[in-house]
Amino acid sequence: MLNYPNYSILNQPGIGLRGPHLFQVLNEKPNINWLEVHAENFFSEGGEHIEALQKIRENYPLSVHGVGLSLGTTDELNKEHLKKLKQVVTRFEPALLSEHLSWGAVHNQYFNDLLPLPYTEESLQNFCDKVKQTQDFLNRQILIENPSSYLRYRESTIPEWEFYSSLPEKTGCGLLLDVNNFFVSGFNHEFDPLEYLRAVNPKDVKEIHLAGFATKELEQGTLLIDDHGSLVDDRVWELFVLTMQKVGSKPVLIEWDTGVPDLSVLLNEANKAGEYMLQYEQVA
């Protein structure tokens, strides 16, 4: 079994490792603290990408981020998906493992989006049951990421941040706090994003995500789209500073999934995150 650096070393910036950069990272070994991969990209039994990530794993701690488990569905969990996820976890031994507060499948029909939940007691119980089943199957803790959303359900009776922040106590999971997501959702639904920071317990937050968003002008007004396709917005950087003031220094990831730029752009964003983190640590 490979030895990980102690957890404090991971309280530094990392980047999402996407397909265009896989072999570049393997060959060039850039100066970055850790890397995140999407679980589903490594579900196959073998191939060049599997071999490349195994070699990369020798030099960098990994975080594995799932996007397809659909923990909020009312269906039973997809057993084949779980088995493949467990194979990824066994093969790469990630330091962190995460999924989403969302659903994306019903009656064996799968969607390409991470869809929002109605925030009710019933859906909370269903989601917690799915998280506990997943953790029991994988025999390890998973982190749950807060969503970005563009619609809300009239049936919701629990504020999103209260629903989200209650998960660790009910399931033993950790939280992956995406600063861009609660900024985007706050703008779209006209709530104060600081509500998230007031609600979460700092000890439950194990990872932070930062990303860019797109702005779409509609007849009804402006909508922010969490597309992970641009530099982190200045307002999100400001919220990141406030997030550190609440939850402390955590592993911080730069995400970029659409129109993936040169690797140097991601590394520069990670360096910027590192500068903010260093400033926080100097005054903390």
Foldseek 3Di string as FASTA:
>chain_A
DDDDDPFVLLLAEAEEDDDVCLVVCLPVVDPGAAYEYELVVPLDPDDPSLVSVLSSLVPHAYEYEYEAQFLQEPDPTDPSVLVSSLVSCVSRVHPAYEYEQAGADYPRDGDPDRHHDQADPVSLVSSLVSLQVSCVSNVHAHAYEYAADQDYDPNHDDPSLQSRQCNCVSRVHAYAYELVRLVQNCVNVVHDSCVNLVRHDLVRHAEYEFAPWDWDADPVGIHIGRQRADAGDPVSVVVVLVSCVRNNRHRYYYGHDPPDDPPVVRVVSSVVVRVSNVVSVVVD
